[in-house]
N, C-alpha and C. Protein backbone atom coordinates (compact mmCIF):
# COMPACT_ATOMS: atom_id res chain seq x y z
N MET A 1 0.84 -1.19 0.00
CA MET A 1 0.00 0.00 0.00
C MET A 1 0.88 1.25 0.00
N SER A 2 0.60 2.17 -0.90
CA SER A 2 1.36 3.42 -0.95
C SER A 2 0.71 4.45 -0.04
N LYS A 3 1.46 5.50 0.28
CA LYS A 3 0.94 6.54 1.15
C LYS A 3 0.63 7.80 0.35
N ILE A 4 -0.36 8.54 0.81
CA ILE A 4 -0.68 9.83 0.24
C ILE A 4 -0.06 10.88 1.15
N VAL A 5 0.85 11.68 0.60
CA VAL A 5 1.64 12.63 1.38
C VAL A 5 1.37 14.05 0.89
N VAL A 6 0.98 14.92 1.81
CA VAL A 6 0.79 16.33 1.50
C VAL A 6 2.10 17.07 1.81
N PHE A 7 2.58 17.85 0.85
CA PHE A 7 3.80 18.63 1.03
C PHE A 7 3.50 20.06 0.62
N LEU A 8 3.45 20.97 1.60
CA LEU A 8 3.12 22.35 1.25
C LEU A 8 3.59 23.35 2.28
N SER A 9 3.53 24.61 1.87
CA SER A 9 3.90 25.74 2.73
C SER A 9 2.65 26.38 3.29
N LEU A 10 2.76 26.83 4.54
CA LEU A 10 1.67 27.59 5.12
C LEU A 10 2.19 28.54 6.18
N THR A 11 1.35 29.50 6.54
CA THR A 11 1.71 30.49 7.55
C THR A 11 1.30 29.98 8.93
N LEU A 12 1.67 30.73 9.95
CA LEU A 12 1.28 30.34 11.30
C LEU A 12 -0.23 30.32 11.48
N ASP A 13 -0.95 31.16 10.73
CA ASP A 13 -2.41 31.13 10.83
C ASP A 13 -3.04 30.23 9.78
N GLY A 14 -2.24 29.33 9.21
CA GLY A 14 -2.77 28.27 8.36
C GLY A 14 -3.03 28.63 6.92
N VAL A 15 -2.64 29.83 6.47
CA VAL A 15 -2.87 30.23 5.08
C VAL A 15 -1.90 29.49 4.16
N MET A 16 -2.44 28.94 3.08
CA MET A 16 -1.61 28.24 2.10
C MET A 16 -1.73 28.85 0.71
N GLN A 17 -2.53 29.88 0.56
CA GLN A 17 -2.82 30.47 -0.74
C GLN A 17 -1.62 31.24 -1.28
N ALA A 18 -1.25 30.95 -2.51
CA ALA A 18 -0.27 31.72 -3.29
C ALA A 18 1.05 31.97 -2.57
N PRO A 19 1.76 30.94 -2.16
CA PRO A 19 3.04 31.18 -1.48
C PRO A 19 4.16 31.62 -2.41
N ALA A 20 4.08 31.27 -3.70
CA ALA A 20 5.25 31.41 -4.56
C ALA A 20 5.33 32.68 -5.41
N ARG A 21 4.17 33.26 -5.77
CA ARG A 21 4.19 34.42 -6.67
C ARG A 21 3.06 35.39 -6.35
N PRO A 22 3.26 36.67 -6.58
CA PRO A 22 2.18 37.64 -6.32
C PRO A 22 0.92 37.36 -7.12
N ASP A 23 1.06 36.85 -8.35
CA ASP A 23 -0.10 36.61 -9.21
C ASP A 23 -0.55 35.15 -9.22
N GLU A 24 -0.06 34.34 -8.29
CA GLU A 24 -0.31 32.90 -8.31
C GLU A 24 -1.79 32.56 -8.13
N ASP A 25 -2.45 33.20 -7.18
CA ASP A 25 -3.85 32.89 -6.89
C ASP A 25 -4.47 34.09 -6.18
N ARG A 26 -5.25 34.85 -6.92
CA ARG A 26 -5.85 36.06 -6.34
C ARG A 26 -7.32 35.87 -5.99
N ARG A 27 -7.76 34.63 -5.90
CA ARG A 27 -9.16 34.39 -5.53
C ARG A 27 -9.50 35.08 -4.22
N GLY A 28 -10.71 35.60 -4.14
CA GLY A 28 -11.16 36.27 -2.92
C GLY A 28 -10.47 37.61 -2.68
N GLY A 29 -9.85 38.16 -3.74
CA GLY A 29 -9.16 39.44 -3.59
C GLY A 29 -7.84 39.34 -2.85
N PHE A 30 -7.25 38.14 -2.80
CA PHE A 30 -6.00 37.92 -2.07
C PHE A 30 -4.86 38.64 -2.79
N GLU A 31 -4.19 39.57 -2.10
CA GLU A 31 -3.13 40.37 -2.69
C GLU A 31 -1.78 40.16 -2.01
N GLN A 32 -1.63 39.09 -1.25
CA GLN A 32 -0.38 38.88 -0.51
C GLN A 32 0.42 37.70 -1.05
N GLY A 33 0.20 37.38 -2.32
CA GLY A 33 0.90 36.27 -2.94
C GLY A 33 2.41 36.46 -2.92
N GLY A 34 3.12 35.35 -2.87
CA GLY A 34 4.57 35.38 -2.83
C GLY A 34 5.14 35.49 -1.43
N TRP A 35 4.30 35.25 -0.41
CA TRP A 35 4.72 35.45 0.98
C TRP A 35 5.83 34.49 1.42
N ALA A 36 6.00 33.36 0.75
CA ALA A 36 7.03 32.41 1.17
C ALA A 36 8.42 32.74 0.61
N ILE A 37 8.47 33.60 -0.39
CA ILE A 37 9.74 33.87 -1.07
C ILE A 37 10.84 34.36 -0.13
N PRO A 38 10.57 35.31 0.78
CA PRO A 38 11.66 35.78 1.66
C PRO A 38 12.24 34.69 2.57
N TYR A 39 11.51 33.59 2.75
CA TYR A 39 11.96 32.53 3.65
C TYR A 39 12.59 31.35 2.90
N SER A 40 12.67 31.47 1.59
CA SER A 40 13.21 30.39 0.78
C SER A 40 14.71 30.56 0.59
N ASP A 41 15.45 29.54 0.95
CA ASP A 41 16.90 29.56 0.78
C ASP A 41 17.35 28.19 0.29
N PRO A 42 17.53 28.04 -1.03
CA PRO A 42 17.93 26.75 -1.59
C PRO A 42 19.22 26.19 -1.00
N SER A 43 20.05 27.08 -0.44
CA SER A 43 21.31 26.61 0.14
C SER A 43 21.16 26.14 1.58
N ASP A 44 19.96 26.35 2.17
CA ASP A 44 19.75 25.90 3.54
C ASP A 44 19.76 24.37 3.56
N PRO A 45 20.63 23.75 4.35
CA PRO A 45 20.76 22.28 4.30
C PRO A 45 19.50 21.54 4.73
N VAL A 46 18.77 22.06 5.71
CA VAL A 46 17.55 21.38 6.17
C VAL A 46 16.48 21.45 5.09
N GLN A 47 16.26 22.63 4.55
CA GLN A 47 15.26 22.80 3.51
C GLN A 47 15.58 21.95 2.28
N ALA A 48 16.83 21.96 1.87
CA ALA A 48 17.24 21.17 0.70
C ALA A 48 17.07 19.68 0.94
N GLU A 49 17.45 19.22 2.13
CA GLU A 49 17.35 17.79 2.44
C GLU A 49 15.90 17.31 2.47
N VAL A 50 15.03 18.07 3.14
CA VAL A 50 13.63 17.65 3.25
C VAL A 50 12.95 17.67 1.89
N THR A 51 13.21 18.71 1.10
CA THR A 51 12.61 18.79 -0.23
C THR A 51 13.09 17.65 -1.12
N ALA A 52 14.39 17.39 -1.13
CA ALA A 52 14.93 16.32 -1.96
C ALA A 52 14.40 14.96 -1.51
N GLN A 53 14.31 14.76 -0.20
CA GLN A 53 13.82 13.49 0.33
C GLN A 53 12.36 13.27 -0.06
N SER A 54 11.56 14.31 0.02
CA SER A 54 10.15 14.19 -0.33
C SER A 54 9.98 13.90 -1.81
N MET A 55 10.76 14.57 -2.65
CA MET A 55 10.64 14.35 -4.09
C MET A 55 11.13 12.96 -4.49
N SER A 56 12.17 12.46 -3.82
CA SER A 56 12.72 11.16 -4.19
C SER A 56 11.88 10.00 -3.67
N SER A 57 11.15 10.21 -2.57
CA SER A 57 10.36 9.11 -2.01
C SER A 57 9.03 8.95 -2.72
N GLY A 58 8.62 9.96 -3.46
CA GLY A 58 7.33 9.89 -4.15
C GLY A 58 7.45 9.23 -5.51
N GLY A 59 6.46 8.45 -5.84
CA GLY A 59 6.44 7.82 -7.16
C GLY A 59 5.63 8.62 -8.15
N ALA A 60 4.70 9.44 -7.66
CA ALA A 60 3.82 10.22 -8.52
C ALA A 60 3.38 11.46 -7.78
N LEU A 61 2.86 12.41 -8.54
CA LEU A 61 2.27 13.61 -7.97
C LEU A 61 0.76 13.54 -8.13
N LEU A 62 0.06 14.14 -7.18
CA LEU A 62 -1.39 14.25 -7.25
C LEU A 62 -1.72 15.72 -7.12
N LEU A 63 -2.41 16.27 -8.11
CA LEU A 63 -2.67 17.70 -8.17
C LEU A 63 -4.14 17.98 -8.44
N GLY A 64 -4.64 19.06 -7.86
CA GLY A 64 -5.94 19.56 -8.24
C GLY A 64 -5.82 20.35 -9.53
N ARG A 65 -6.96 20.69 -10.13
CA ARG A 65 -6.95 21.37 -11.43
C ARG A 65 -6.17 22.69 -11.40
N ARG A 66 -6.45 23.55 -10.43
CA ARG A 66 -5.80 24.86 -10.38
C ARG A 66 -4.28 24.73 -10.26
N THR A 67 -3.84 23.85 -9.37
CA THR A 67 -2.40 23.68 -9.18
C THR A 67 -1.76 23.10 -10.43
N TYR A 68 -2.43 22.14 -11.06
CA TYR A 68 -1.91 21.54 -12.29
C TYR A 68 -1.74 22.61 -13.37
N GLU A 69 -2.77 23.41 -13.59
CA GLU A 69 -2.70 24.42 -14.63
C GLU A 69 -1.63 25.47 -14.30
N ASP A 70 -1.51 25.83 -13.03
CA ASP A 70 -0.49 26.80 -12.63
C ASP A 70 0.91 26.23 -12.84
N PHE A 71 1.12 25.00 -12.38
CA PHE A 71 2.43 24.36 -12.57
C PHE A 71 2.78 24.25 -14.06
N TYR A 72 1.78 23.85 -14.86
CA TYR A 72 2.03 23.68 -16.29
C TYR A 72 2.39 25.00 -16.96
N SER A 73 1.86 26.10 -16.47
CA SER A 73 2.16 27.40 -17.06
C SER A 73 3.59 27.85 -16.75
N VAL A 74 4.22 27.24 -15.74
CA VAL A 74 5.55 27.68 -15.30
C VAL A 74 6.64 26.64 -15.57
N TRP A 75 6.47 25.44 -15.04
CA TRP A 75 7.59 24.50 -14.95
C TRP A 75 8.11 23.94 -16.26
N PRO A 76 7.30 23.53 -17.21
CA PRO A 76 7.89 22.95 -18.43
C PRO A 76 8.79 23.92 -19.19
N HIS A 77 8.65 25.22 -18.93
CA HIS A 77 9.40 26.23 -19.66
C HIS A 77 10.65 26.70 -18.92
N ARG A 78 10.88 26.19 -17.71
CA ARG A 78 12.05 26.60 -16.94
C ARG A 78 13.21 25.64 -17.21
N THR A 79 14.30 26.20 -17.65
CA THR A 79 15.48 25.37 -17.93
C THR A 79 16.58 25.60 -16.90
N ASP A 80 16.31 26.49 -15.94
CA ASP A 80 17.34 26.86 -14.96
C ASP A 80 17.13 26.20 -13.60
N ASN A 81 16.28 25.19 -13.54
CA ASN A 81 15.94 24.61 -12.24
C ASN A 81 15.94 23.08 -12.35
N PRO A 82 16.61 22.39 -11.43
CA PRO A 82 16.66 20.92 -11.50
C PRO A 82 15.31 20.25 -11.31
N PHE A 83 14.35 20.95 -10.68
CA PHE A 83 13.04 20.33 -10.47
C PHE A 83 12.22 20.24 -11.75
N THR A 84 12.59 21.02 -12.77
CA THR A 84 11.86 20.94 -14.04
C THR A 84 11.88 19.53 -14.60
N GLU A 85 13.06 18.94 -14.64
CA GLU A 85 13.20 17.59 -15.19
C GLU A 85 12.42 16.58 -14.35
N VAL A 86 12.49 16.74 -13.02
CA VAL A 86 11.77 15.83 -12.13
C VAL A 86 10.26 15.94 -12.36
N LEU A 87 9.76 17.17 -12.42
CA LEU A 87 8.32 17.36 -12.61
C LEU A 87 7.86 16.87 -13.98
N ASN A 88 8.63 17.13 -15.01
CA ASN A 88 8.27 16.66 -16.34
C ASN A 88 8.20 15.13 -16.40
N ALA A 89 9.15 14.47 -15.74
CA ALA A 89 9.24 13.02 -15.81
C ALA A 89 8.24 12.32 -14.89
N SER A 90 7.77 13.01 -13.86
CA SER A 90 6.87 12.38 -12.88
C SER A 90 5.50 12.10 -13.47
N THR A 91 4.90 11.01 -13.03
CA THR A 91 3.49 10.79 -13.33
C THR A 91 2.69 11.80 -12.52
N LYS A 92 1.78 12.48 -13.20
CA LYS A 92 0.98 13.52 -12.55
C LYS A 92 -0.49 13.14 -12.64
N TYR A 93 -1.07 12.73 -11.53
CA TYR A 93 -2.50 12.46 -11.48
C TYR A 93 -3.21 13.78 -11.22
N VAL A 94 -4.23 14.07 -12.01
CA VAL A 94 -4.91 15.36 -11.92
C VAL A 94 -6.39 15.13 -11.61
N ALA A 95 -6.81 15.58 -10.42
CA ALA A 95 -8.21 15.44 -10.02
C ALA A 95 -9.00 16.64 -10.54
N SER A 96 -9.93 16.39 -11.44
CA SER A 96 -10.71 17.49 -12.01
C SER A 96 -12.03 16.97 -12.57
N ARG A 97 -13.06 17.77 -12.39
CA ARG A 97 -14.36 17.47 -13.01
C ARG A 97 -14.56 18.26 -14.29
N THR A 98 -13.64 19.19 -14.61
CA THR A 98 -13.83 20.05 -15.77
C THR A 98 -12.80 19.84 -16.88
N LEU A 99 -11.60 19.38 -16.56
CA LEU A 99 -10.61 19.13 -17.61
C LEU A 99 -10.99 17.92 -18.44
N ARG A 100 -10.48 17.88 -19.66
CA ARG A 100 -10.74 16.76 -20.56
C ARG A 100 -9.42 16.24 -21.11
N ASP A 101 -9.40 14.95 -21.42
CA ASP A 101 -8.23 14.35 -22.08
C ASP A 101 -8.15 14.82 -23.53
N PRO A 102 -6.97 14.90 -24.09
CA PRO A 102 -5.68 14.64 -23.46
C PRO A 102 -5.17 15.88 -22.71
N LEU A 103 -4.54 15.64 -21.58
CA LEU A 103 -3.94 16.73 -20.82
C LEU A 103 -2.63 17.15 -21.49
N PRO A 104 -2.28 18.45 -21.42
CA PRO A 104 -1.16 18.94 -22.22
C PRO A 104 0.24 18.57 -21.71
N TRP A 105 0.40 18.36 -20.41
CA TRP A 105 1.73 18.13 -19.85
C TRP A 105 2.05 16.64 -19.91
N GLN A 106 3.21 16.28 -20.36
CA GLN A 106 3.58 14.87 -20.49
C GLN A 106 3.41 14.13 -19.16
N ASN A 107 3.07 12.85 -19.27
CA ASN A 107 2.89 11.96 -18.11
C ASN A 107 1.77 12.40 -17.17
N SER A 108 0.73 13.03 -17.73
CA SER A 108 -0.42 13.47 -16.92
C SER A 108 -1.59 12.53 -17.14
N ILE A 109 -2.23 12.15 -16.03
CA ILE A 109 -3.37 11.23 -16.08
C ILE A 109 -4.55 11.91 -15.40
N LEU A 110 -5.65 12.04 -16.12
CA LEU A 110 -6.84 12.70 -15.59
C LEU A 110 -7.64 11.74 -14.72
N LEU A 111 -7.97 12.21 -13.51
CA LEU A 111 -8.86 11.48 -12.61
C LEU A 111 -10.18 12.24 -12.57
N SER A 112 -11.09 11.88 -13.45
CA SER A 112 -12.37 12.59 -13.50
C SER A 112 -13.36 11.92 -12.55
N GLY A 113 -14.31 12.70 -12.07
CA GLY A 113 -15.29 12.14 -11.15
C GLY A 113 -14.90 12.36 -9.71
N ASP A 114 -15.22 11.41 -8.84
CA ASP A 114 -15.01 11.55 -7.41
C ASP A 114 -13.54 11.35 -7.05
N ALA A 115 -12.90 12.41 -6.57
CA ALA A 115 -11.47 12.36 -6.26
C ALA A 115 -11.16 11.36 -5.16
N ALA A 116 -12.02 11.31 -4.13
CA ALA A 116 -11.76 10.40 -3.00
C ALA A 116 -11.74 8.94 -3.46
N GLU A 117 -12.61 8.58 -4.37
CA GLU A 117 -12.62 7.20 -4.88
C GLU A 117 -11.33 6.88 -5.62
N TRP A 118 -10.88 7.81 -6.46
CA TRP A 118 -9.63 7.61 -7.19
C TRP A 118 -8.45 7.49 -6.24
N VAL A 119 -8.40 8.38 -5.25
CA VAL A 119 -7.27 8.39 -4.33
C VAL A 119 -7.26 7.13 -3.47
N ALA A 120 -8.42 6.65 -3.08
CA ALA A 120 -8.49 5.38 -2.33
C ALA A 120 -7.90 4.25 -3.17
N ARG A 121 -8.14 4.25 -4.47
CA ARG A 121 -7.57 3.22 -5.35
C ARG A 121 -6.06 3.36 -5.45
N LEU A 122 -5.59 4.61 -5.63
CA LEU A 122 -4.14 4.84 -5.71
C LEU A 122 -3.44 4.39 -4.43
N ARG A 123 -4.08 4.68 -3.32
CA ARG A 123 -3.51 4.36 -2.02
C ARG A 123 -3.42 2.85 -1.80
N ALA A 124 -4.35 2.11 -2.38
CA ALA A 124 -4.37 0.66 -2.20
C ALA A 124 -3.33 -0.06 -3.05
N GLU A 125 -2.78 0.63 -4.04
CA GLU A 125 -1.79 0.00 -4.91
C GLU A 125 -0.42 -0.02 -4.23
N PRO A 126 0.37 -1.06 -4.48
CA PRO A 126 1.73 -1.08 -3.93
C PRO A 126 2.60 -0.09 -4.68
N GLY A 127 3.66 0.35 -4.03
CA GLY A 127 4.58 1.26 -4.70
C GLY A 127 4.97 2.43 -3.83
N LYS A 128 5.60 3.42 -4.46
CA LYS A 128 6.08 4.59 -3.74
C LYS A 128 4.92 5.50 -3.36
N ASP A 129 5.25 6.47 -2.52
CA ASP A 129 4.24 7.43 -2.07
C ASP A 129 3.75 8.29 -3.24
N THR A 130 2.53 8.79 -3.09
CA THR A 130 1.98 9.78 -4.01
C THR A 130 1.97 11.10 -3.26
N VAL A 131 2.60 12.12 -3.83
CA VAL A 131 2.78 13.41 -3.14
C VAL A 131 1.83 14.45 -3.72
N ILE A 132 1.12 15.13 -2.83
CA ILE A 132 0.24 16.24 -3.22
C ILE A 132 0.99 17.54 -2.97
N LEU A 133 1.09 18.37 -3.99
CA LEU A 133 1.68 19.70 -3.86
C LEU A 133 0.55 20.73 -4.00
N GLY A 134 0.51 21.70 -3.09
CA GLY A 134 -0.55 22.71 -3.16
C GLY A 134 -1.92 22.05 -3.09
N SER A 135 -2.81 22.43 -4.04
CA SER A 135 -4.09 21.73 -4.23
C SER A 135 -4.96 21.73 -2.98
N GLY A 136 -5.19 22.91 -2.42
CA GLY A 136 -5.91 23.03 -1.16
C GLY A 136 -7.29 22.40 -1.15
N GLU A 137 -8.09 22.65 -2.20
CA GLU A 137 -9.44 22.08 -2.23
C GLU A 137 -9.39 20.56 -2.24
N LEU A 138 -8.47 20.00 -3.00
CA LEU A 138 -8.31 18.55 -3.05
C LEU A 138 -7.90 18.01 -1.69
N VAL A 139 -6.92 18.65 -1.06
CA VAL A 139 -6.46 18.19 0.26
C VAL A 139 -7.61 18.22 1.27
N ARG A 140 -8.37 19.30 1.28
CA ARG A 140 -9.48 19.40 2.25
C ARG A 140 -10.49 18.29 2.03
N SER A 141 -10.77 17.94 0.78
CA SER A 141 -11.73 16.86 0.53
C SER A 141 -11.20 15.51 0.99
N LEU A 142 -9.87 15.31 0.88
CA LEU A 142 -9.28 14.04 1.29
C LEU A 142 -9.12 13.93 2.80
N VAL A 143 -8.94 15.07 3.48
CA VAL A 143 -8.89 15.06 4.95
C VAL A 143 -10.19 14.51 5.49
N GLY A 144 -11.30 15.00 4.96
CA GLY A 144 -12.62 14.55 5.41
C GLY A 144 -12.86 13.08 5.16
N ALA A 145 -12.19 12.52 4.16
CA ALA A 145 -12.35 11.10 3.83
C ALA A 145 -11.26 10.24 4.47
N ASN A 146 -10.42 10.83 5.33
CA ASN A 146 -9.34 10.11 6.01
C ASN A 146 -8.38 9.43 5.03
N LEU A 147 -8.00 10.14 3.98
CA LEU A 147 -7.14 9.56 2.95
C LEU A 147 -5.73 10.15 2.91
N ILE A 148 -5.39 10.99 3.89
CA ILE A 148 -4.04 11.54 3.95
C ILE A 148 -3.24 10.75 4.98
N ASP A 149 -2.07 10.25 4.58
CA ASP A 149 -1.23 9.45 5.46
C ASP A 149 -0.12 10.24 6.13
N ARG A 150 0.29 11.35 5.50
CA ARG A 150 1.37 12.14 6.09
C ARG A 150 1.26 13.58 5.58
N TYR A 151 1.55 14.50 6.49
CA TYR A 151 1.62 15.92 6.14
C TYR A 151 3.04 16.40 6.39
N ILE A 152 3.67 16.97 5.37
CA ILE A 152 4.96 17.64 5.55
C ILE A 152 4.68 19.12 5.33
N LEU A 153 4.67 19.86 6.42
CA LEU A 153 4.24 21.25 6.38
C LEU A 153 5.41 22.18 6.66
N GLN A 154 5.67 23.07 5.73
CA GLN A 154 6.69 24.10 5.92
C GLN A 154 6.00 25.31 6.53
N ILE A 155 6.12 25.44 7.84
CA ILE A 155 5.36 26.45 8.58
C ILE A 155 6.22 27.71 8.70
N HIS A 156 5.73 28.78 8.09
CA HIS A 156 6.48 30.05 8.01
C HIS A 156 6.14 30.95 9.20
N PRO A 157 7.13 31.67 9.72
CA PRO A 157 6.90 32.56 10.87
C PRO A 157 6.23 33.86 10.43
N LEU A 158 4.99 33.73 10.03
CA LEU A 158 4.27 34.84 9.41
C LEU A 158 2.78 34.64 9.64
N VAL A 159 2.08 35.71 9.98
CA VAL A 159 0.62 35.70 10.11
C VAL A 159 0.07 36.66 9.07
N LEU A 160 -0.78 36.16 8.16
CA LEU A 160 -1.32 37.02 7.10
C LEU A 160 -2.70 37.57 7.45
N GLY A 161 -3.48 36.83 8.22
CA GLY A 161 -4.80 37.32 8.61
C GLY A 161 -5.88 37.15 7.58
N SER A 162 -5.53 36.72 6.37
CA SER A 162 -6.53 36.45 5.34
C SER A 162 -5.95 35.46 4.35
N GLY A 163 -6.82 34.86 3.56
CA GLY A 163 -6.38 33.90 2.56
C GLY A 163 -6.94 32.52 2.84
N GLN A 164 -6.88 31.68 1.84
CA GLN A 164 -7.41 30.31 1.98
C GLN A 164 -6.48 29.50 2.88
N ARG A 165 -7.11 28.80 3.81
CA ARG A 165 -6.35 28.02 4.78
C ARG A 165 -6.34 26.54 4.41
N LEU A 166 -5.36 25.85 4.97
CA LEU A 166 -5.23 24.42 4.70
C LEU A 166 -6.45 23.65 5.19
N PHE A 167 -6.84 23.89 6.43
CA PHE A 167 -7.96 23.15 7.00
C PHE A 167 -9.21 24.02 7.01
N ALA A 168 -10.28 23.43 6.54
CA ALA A 168 -11.55 24.17 6.42
C ALA A 168 -12.18 24.41 7.79
N ASP A 169 -12.91 25.49 7.88
CA ASP A 169 -13.64 25.83 9.11
C ASP A 169 -15.07 25.29 8.99
N ASP A 170 -15.15 23.96 8.84
CA ASP A 170 -16.46 23.34 8.61
C ASP A 170 -16.77 22.21 9.58
N GLY A 171 -16.00 22.12 10.65
CA GLY A 171 -16.24 21.07 11.64
C GLY A 171 -15.47 19.78 11.39
N THR A 172 -14.79 19.67 10.24
CA THR A 172 -14.00 18.47 9.97
C THR A 172 -12.81 18.42 10.92
N GLN A 173 -12.64 17.27 11.56
CA GLN A 173 -11.55 17.11 12.52
C GLN A 173 -10.52 16.11 12.01
N ALA A 174 -9.28 16.32 12.40
CA ALA A 174 -8.21 15.37 12.10
C ALA A 174 -7.24 15.39 13.27
N ARG A 175 -7.07 14.27 13.93
CA ARG A 175 -6.11 14.18 15.03
C ARG A 175 -4.79 13.68 14.46
N LEU A 176 -3.73 14.47 14.71
CA LEU A 176 -2.43 14.16 14.15
C LEU A 176 -1.39 13.99 15.25
N ARG A 177 -0.33 13.26 14.91
CA ARG A 177 0.79 13.16 15.84
C ARG A 177 2.04 13.67 15.14
N LEU A 178 2.88 14.35 15.89
CA LEU A 178 4.12 14.89 15.34
C LEU A 178 5.14 13.78 15.19
N VAL A 179 5.69 13.63 13.99
CA VAL A 179 6.69 12.62 13.70
C VAL A 179 8.09 13.24 13.69
N ASP A 180 8.18 14.48 13.19
CA ASP A 180 9.48 15.13 13.09
C ASP A 180 9.27 16.63 12.99
N ALA A 181 10.20 17.41 13.54
CA ALA A 181 10.16 18.86 13.42
C ALA A 181 11.58 19.37 13.26
N ARG A 182 11.81 20.15 12.20
CA ARG A 182 13.15 20.63 11.92
C ARG A 182 13.09 22.10 11.53
N PRO A 183 13.79 22.97 12.25
CA PRO A 183 13.83 24.39 11.87
C PRO A 183 14.87 24.63 10.79
N THR A 184 14.58 25.57 9.90
CA THR A 184 15.54 25.97 8.89
C THR A 184 16.23 27.26 9.34
N GLY A 185 17.24 27.67 8.61
CA GLY A 185 17.96 28.88 8.95
C GLY A 185 17.15 30.14 8.77
N THR A 186 16.04 30.08 8.03
CA THR A 186 15.21 31.27 7.81
C THR A 186 14.02 31.33 8.78
N GLY A 187 13.96 30.39 9.72
CA GLY A 187 12.88 30.40 10.70
C GLY A 187 11.68 29.56 10.34
N VAL A 188 11.70 28.92 9.18
CA VAL A 188 10.62 28.00 8.80
C VAL A 188 10.80 26.71 9.60
N VAL A 189 9.72 26.20 10.15
CA VAL A 189 9.74 24.91 10.83
C VAL A 189 9.07 23.89 9.92
N ILE A 190 9.79 22.84 9.58
CA ILE A 190 9.23 21.78 8.74
C ILE A 190 8.74 20.68 9.66
N GLY A 191 7.43 20.62 9.79
CA GLY A 191 6.80 19.63 10.67
C GLY A 191 6.22 18.49 9.87
N THR A 192 6.49 17.28 10.30
CA THR A 192 5.92 16.09 9.66
C THR A 192 4.92 15.46 10.63
N TYR A 193 3.71 15.29 10.13
CA TYR A 193 2.61 14.76 10.96
C TYR A 193 1.98 13.56 10.28
N GLU A 194 1.48 12.66 11.10
CA GLU A 194 0.71 11.52 10.61
C GLU A 194 -0.56 11.40 11.43
N PRO A 195 -1.60 10.77 10.88
CA PRO A 195 -2.83 10.61 11.67
C PRO A 195 -2.55 9.87 12.97
N ALA A 196 -3.12 10.38 14.05
CA ALA A 196 -2.98 9.72 15.33
C ALA A 196 -3.97 8.57 15.40
N GLU A 197 -3.56 7.49 16.07
CA GLU A 197 -4.47 6.37 16.21
C GLU A 197 -5.61 6.78 17.14
N SER A 198 -6.82 6.40 16.74
CA SER A 198 -7.98 6.76 17.56
C SER A 198 -7.97 5.97 18.85
N GLY A 199 -8.59 6.54 19.85
CA GLY A 199 -8.68 5.86 21.14
C GLY A 199 -7.88 6.58 22.11
């Protein structure tokens, strides 16, 4: 059985919207995009190790429609970054009710219909982990279905006060246990969590 692993950046108040660019995601009038950039240091040994470990342990990526389209608009055209080759070569499962085959990015597989059903099937297959990058709406739907096996959260020392949060304010609960916590040189704490056993 493979694991479903969430890997993403968020603020102390749980905001995950648009960490990488000012124009990444302006839904809801969000104007604070790119908030993670000042805390990113590719030369930081902890950050580099955790990112490389997460990318190497995953066999495939799982993305929601918005994240897939955003990644596709940026990554295939970047020749100055080692992650371009990794992302191009990775199998990319895309959960969407609106996209249609064929998807434009190589090695992309459309999961149309109920995302939780597809993810339950992926999870039951043997093999490497499937890593979710970004994709907040998808993650929230899978939390409610108890389909997330691990969260690797890059928690930034920043409070934004607005923006889409990782966990919905809808009564959905998830009890987690801390597996690992590592601070980076820029003050980001990389916390790894897994579901806590009930009881």
